[in-house]
Amino acid sequence: MKALQVDGVTKSFGNVRALNGVSLSVEEGEVLGLLGPNGSGKSTLMKIIVGILKPDKGDVQVFGTHVDMDTISVKRTVGYVPESPRLYEFLSGTEYLDFIADIHSLEVNAKRERILEFLKALDLEGRENELINGYSQGMKQKLAIIAALLHRPQLLVLDEPLNSLDPRTARIVKELIHKLRDDGVPTIFSTHVLDIAEVICDRIVIMSNGIVREEGTISELKMKAGAPGSSLEELFLKLTGGSDTRDVVEALSH
């Protein structure tokens, strides 16, 4: 059974087709990188996977459960970090995490232990009783990551999770993704930083204009593109039609 199976998903917003027949899968113990330029449909796809949006067509299954038929069950299974987390900013960090833990029915002692463990690991210890509206963007991002991991999810859906993080925390998150992968927990991971994708991801899906352009390991993608010696950045630009950057820079410099 696939950890995640997406089949023919289409989604429009008015006259804008955000996704057009997208299909992909994630195996257990795999980190899948989701790459694409702004507006390619990555965030829309992730919101459909976790049940925030409904597709116009197509089907999404998480460990065999159809998302549209049992959204609550899927949300209990998945840890999700959105691209722009919206937190309850009138709560303190501890109050917010306590609330999230209660939603997932964590036992009281386990809840307290995990919250303290994460606060210390991500350098929020000592700031946990302050209101979230006084947090920096990086602190809010840390809180969103903790909230996604508290209940020990079986699948991680991470949309630009390293945004605003300091280098130490980013390193911890990257290593944690690999540790969870080794424990069998798969991740679908969206990023614009191609160097990070190359280090973290086992397999890559490149999207553009709401469709999947290519997928495979980095080595496989380079062979498909006929560019075995190229960097991931060069490969990405070639596959998404963005390789004409020199002319753009030349025009802007005049």
Protein backbone atom coordinates (compact mmCIF):
# COMPACT_ATOMS: atom_id res chain seq x y z
CA MET A 1 0.00 0.00 0.00
CA LYS A 2 1.24 3.49 -0.90
CA ALA A 3 1.52 6.03 1.90
CA LEU A 4 0.03 8.59 -0.49
CA GLN A 5 -1.69 8.06 -3.82
CA VAL A 6 -2.88 11.01 -5.91
CA ASP A 7 -4.82 10.12 -9.08
CA GLY A 8 -5.91 12.61 -11.74
CA VAL A 9 -6.50 15.56 -9.41
CA THR A 10 -7.89 18.68 -11.04
CA LYS A 11 -8.74 21.95 -9.28
CA SER A 12 -9.87 25.31 -10.60
CA PHE A 13 -10.47 28.66 -8.95
CA GLY A 14 -12.89 30.49 -11.23
CA ASN A 15 -11.25 30.56 -14.65
CA VAL A 16 -7.83 29.63 -13.28
CA ARG A 17 -6.88 25.94 -13.55
CA ALA A 18 -4.54 25.41 -10.58
CA LEU A 19 -4.16 21.64 -11.07
CA ASN A 20 -4.79 19.67 -14.23
CA GLY A 21 -4.86 15.88 -13.85
CA VAL A 22 -2.03 15.57 -11.33
CA SER A 23 -0.99 12.04 -10.33
CA LEU A 24 1.83 11.02 -8.00
CA SER A 25 2.58 8.67 -5.13
CA VAL A 26 4.76 8.49 -2.03
CA GLU A 27 6.10 5.24 -0.63
CA GLU A 28 6.53 4.51 3.06
CA GLY A 29 9.96 5.66 4.23
CA GLU A 30 10.41 8.06 1.29
CA VAL A 31 10.97 11.81 1.09
CA LEU A 32 9.36 13.20 -2.06
CA GLY A 33 10.40 16.68 -3.13
CA LEU A 34 7.74 18.80 -4.79
CA LEU A 35 9.39 21.50 -6.92
CA GLY A 36 7.97 24.12 -9.20
CA PRO A 37 7.85 27.87 -9.85
CA ASN A 38 5.36 30.12 -8.07
CA GLY A 39 1.83 29.33 -9.23
CA SER A 40 2.67 25.79 -10.31
CA GLY A 41 0.02 24.27 -8.00
CA LYS A 42 2.20 22.84 -5.22
CA SER A 43 0.40 24.46 -2.28
CA THR A 44 -3.03 23.72 -3.77
CA LEU A 45 -2.10 20.06 -4.12
CA MET A 46 -0.89 19.89 -0.52
CA LYS A 47 -4.11 21.45 0.77
CA ILE A 48 -6.09 18.82 -1.15
CA ILE A 49 -3.93 16.03 0.29
CA VAL A 50 -4.69 17.10 3.86
CA GLY A 51 -8.39 17.74 3.21
CA ILE A 52 -8.44 21.54 3.38
CA LEU A 53 -9.56 21.82 -0.26
CA LYS A 54 -11.65 19.42 -2.31
CA PRO A 55 -10.61 18.57 -5.87
CA ASP A 56 -12.98 19.14 -8.77
CA LYS A 57 -11.93 15.75 -10.13
CA GLY A 58 -9.64 12.95 -9.08
CA ASP A 59 -8.91 11.00 -5.92
CA VAL A 60 -6.43 11.17 -3.03
CA GLN A 61 -5.73 8.29 -0.66
CA VAL A 62 -3.59 8.38 2.49
CA PHE A 63 -2.67 4.84 3.56
CA GLY A 64 -5.66 3.57 1.61
CA THR A 65 -8.17 6.04 3.11
CA HIS A 66 -9.96 8.28 0.62
CA VAL A 67 -9.46 11.84 1.85
CA ASP A 68 -12.86 13.07 0.69
CA MET A 69 -14.64 10.18 2.44
CA ASP A 70 -12.87 10.36 5.84
CA THR A 71 -11.13 13.70 6.16
CA ILE A 72 -10.98 13.63 9.97
CA SER A 73 -9.17 10.28 9.99
CA VAL A 74 -6.63 11.59 7.48
CA LYS A 75 -6.00 14.74 9.50
CA ARG A 76 -5.23 12.57 12.53
CA THR A 77 -2.70 10.66 10.45
CA VAL A 78 -0.96 13.60 8.78
CA GLY A 79 1.38 16.29 10.11
CA TYR A 80 0.97 19.43 8.01
CA VAL A 81 2.99 22.64 7.88
CA PRO A 82 1.40 25.18 5.50
CA GLU A 83 3.43 27.69 3.52
CA SER A 84 2.09 30.57 5.64
CA PRO A 85 1.00 29.17 9.02
CA ARG A 86 -1.95 30.92 10.65
CA LEU A 87 -1.80 30.50 14.41
CA TYR A 88 -4.10 31.58 17.22
CA GLU A 89 -2.00 34.61 18.10
CA PHE A 90 -4.01 35.54 21.21
CA LEU A 91 -2.69 32.35 22.86
CA SER A 92 0.76 31.77 24.31
CA GLY A 93 3.04 29.22 22.66
CA THR A 94 2.31 26.68 25.40
CA GLU A 95 -1.45 27.26 25.24
CA TYR A 96 -1.44 26.78 21.48
CA LEU A 97 0.55 23.54 21.62
CA ASP A 98 -1.59 22.30 24.50
CA PHE A 99 -4.68 22.96 22.37
CA ILE A 100 -3.21 21.10 19.37
CA ALA A 101 -2.21 18.15 21.58
CA ASP A 102 -5.75 17.96 23.00
CA ILE A 103 -7.21 17.89 19.49
CA HIS A 104 -5.08 14.80 18.87
CA SER A 105 -6.08 13.29 22.25
CA LEU A 106 -2.54 13.03 23.61
CA GLU A 107 -2.33 11.69 27.15
CA VAL A 108 -1.54 14.43 29.69
CA ASN A 109 1.95 13.31 30.71
CA ALA A 110 2.99 12.45 27.17
CA LYS A 111 1.67 15.81 25.98
CA ARG A 112 3.65 17.75 28.58
CA GLU A 113 6.82 15.76 27.90
CA ARG A 114 6.68 16.17 24.12
CA ILE A 115 5.89 19.88 24.29
CA LEU A 116 8.81 20.56 26.62
CA GLU A 117 11.11 18.41 24.50
CA PHE A 118 10.28 20.31 21.30
CA LEU A 119 10.40 23.75 22.94
CA LYS A 120 13.91 23.02 24.20
CA ALA A 121 15.13 21.48 20.92
CA LEU A 122 13.91 24.42 18.81
CA ASP A 123 15.11 27.15 21.20
CA LEU A 124 11.66 28.31 22.30
CA GLU A 125 12.23 27.41 25.94
CA GLY A 126 11.74 30.53 28.05
CA ARG A 127 9.47 32.15 25.43
CA GLU A 128 6.64 29.61 25.59
CA ASN A 129 4.45 31.71 27.92
CA GLU A 130 4.55 34.81 25.71
CA LEU A 131 1.66 35.57 23.35
CA ILE A 132 2.24 34.33 19.81
CA ASN A 133 1.49 37.77 18.35
CA GLY A 134 4.80 38.89 19.87
CA TYR A 135 6.78 36.10 18.20
CA SER A 136 9.06 36.66 15.23
CA GLN A 137 8.19 34.95 11.94
CA GLY A 138 10.86 32.33 12.60
CA MET A 139 9.42 31.58 16.05
CA LYS A 140 5.95 31.18 14.57
CA GLN A 141 7.37 28.78 11.98
CA LYS A 142 8.98 26.72 14.75
CA LEU A 143 5.63 26.55 16.54
CA ALA A 144 3.89 25.36 13.37
CA ILE A 145 6.51 22.61 12.94
CA ILE A 146 6.09 21.47 16.55
CA ALA A 147 2.31 21.39 16.13
CA ALA A 148 2.69 19.18 13.04
CA LEU A 149 4.91 16.69 14.87
CA LEU A 150 3.36 16.48 18.34
CA HIS A 151 1.01 13.58 17.58
CA ARG A 152 3.67 11.44 15.86
CA PRO A 153 2.09 11.57 12.38
CA GLN A 154 2.38 8.72 9.90
CA LEU A 155 2.81 11.11 6.94
CA LEU A 156 4.34 14.57 6.82
CA VAL A 157 3.12 17.21 4.35
CA LEU A 158 5.53 20.14 4.55
CA ASP A 159 5.03 23.24 2.40
CA GLU A 160 8.21 25.35 2.50
CA PRO A 161 8.85 24.29 6.13
CA LEU A 162 12.30 25.89 6.39
CA ASN A 163 11.04 29.40 5.66
CA SER A 164 12.33 31.96 8.19
CA LEU A 165 14.24 29.36 10.22
CA ASP A 166 17.70 30.04 11.58
CA PRO A 167 20.47 27.70 10.32
CA ARG A 168 20.55 25.58 13.50
CA THR A 169 16.80 24.93 13.49
CA ALA A 170 16.79 24.27 9.74
CA ARG A 171 19.52 21.67 10.28
CA ILE A 172 17.52 20.02 13.08
CA VAL A 173 14.39 19.86 10.90
CA LYS A 174 16.30 18.38 7.95
CA GLU A 175 17.90 15.72 10.15
CA LEU A 176 14.56 14.97 11.81
CA ILE A 177 12.95 14.39 8.40
CA HIS A 178 15.69 11.86 7.60
CA LYS A 179 15.36 10.19 11.02
CA LEU A 180 11.59 9.84 10.57
CA ARG A 181 12.14 8.50 7.05
CA ASP A 182 14.45 5.84 8.47
CA ASP A 183 11.66 4.97 10.92
CA GLY A 184 9.25 4.52 7.99
CA VAL A 185 7.50 7.91 8.11
CA PRO A 186 7.25 9.37 4.58
CA THR A 187 7.33 13.09 3.74
CA ILE A 188 6.14 15.19 0.82
CA PHE A 189 8.29 18.29 0.92
CA SER A 190 7.90 21.51 -1.06
CA THR A 191 10.80 23.95 -1.39
CA HIS A 192 12.19 26.62 -3.70
CA VAL A 193 15.72 26.02 -2.43
CA LEU A 194 17.04 23.44 -4.86
CA ASP A 195 20.19 22.68 -2.88
CA ILE A 196 17.98 21.64 0.05
CA ALA A 197 15.86 19.41 -2.20
CA GLU A 198 18.99 17.70 -3.50
CA VAL A 199 20.14 16.92 0.05
CA ILE A 200 16.81 15.94 1.62
CA CYS A 201 14.74 14.24 -1.07
CA ASP A 202 14.88 10.66 -2.33
CA ARG A 203 12.75 11.45 -5.36
CA ILE A 204 11.64 14.66 -7.09
CA VAL A 205 8.39 15.73 -8.78
CA ILE A 206 8.67 18.89 -10.87
CA MET A 207 5.42 20.78 -11.48
CA SER A 208 4.63 23.67 -13.80
CA ASN A 209 1.30 25.27 -14.74
CA GLY A 210 -0.68 22.74 -12.72
CA ILE A 211 0.76 19.59 -14.23
CA VAL A 212 3.60 17.17 -13.43
CA ARG A 213 6.43 17.84 -15.87
CA GLU A 214 8.83 15.14 -14.69
CA GLU A 215 9.47 12.83 -11.75
CA GLY A 216 12.21 10.50 -10.59
CA THR A 217 15.44 10.51 -8.65
CA ILE A 218 17.82 13.37 -9.41
CA SER A 219 20.01 11.00 -11.44
CA GLU A 220 16.99 9.78 -13.42
CA LEU A 221 15.83 13.35 -14.13
CA LYS A 222 19.26 14.35 -15.37
CA MET A 223 19.35 11.36 -17.72
CA LYS A 224 15.83 12.11 -19.01
CA ALA A 225 16.85 15.69 -19.71
CA GLY A 226 20.00 14.51 -21.49
CA ALA A 227 22.10 16.48 -19.04
CA PRO A 228 23.84 14.01 -16.70
CA GLY A 229 26.46 16.56 -15.61
CA SER A 230 24.06 19.43 -14.94
CA SER A 231 23.06 20.83 -11.55
CA LEU A 232 19.52 20.47 -10.18
CA GLU A 233 19.05 24.20 -10.76
CA GLU A 234 19.94 23.88 -14.46
CA LEU A 235 17.69 20.84 -14.76
CA PHE A 236 14.80 22.64 -13.03
CA LEU A 237 15.08 25.66 -15.30
CA LYS A 238 15.23 23.48 -18.40
CA LEU A 239 12.13 21.48 -17.45
CA THR A 240 10.08 24.52 -16.39
CA GLY A 241 10.98 26.76 -19.30
CA GLY A 242 12.99 29.20 -17.19
CA SER A 243 16.41 28.74 -18.74
CA ASP A 244 16.47 32.13 -20.52
CA THR A 245 17.59 34.04 -17.41
CA ARG A 246 20.63 35.64 -19.09
CA ASP A 247 18.44 37.64 -21.51
CA VAL A 248 16.20 38.77 -18.65
CA VAL A 249 19.16 39.96 -16.56
CA GLU A 250 20.61 41.74 -19.58
CA ALA A 251 17.33 43.55 -20.20
CA LEU A 252 16.97 44.60 -16.54
CA SER A 253 20.51 45.93 -16.32
CA HIS A 254 19.93 48.62 -18.99
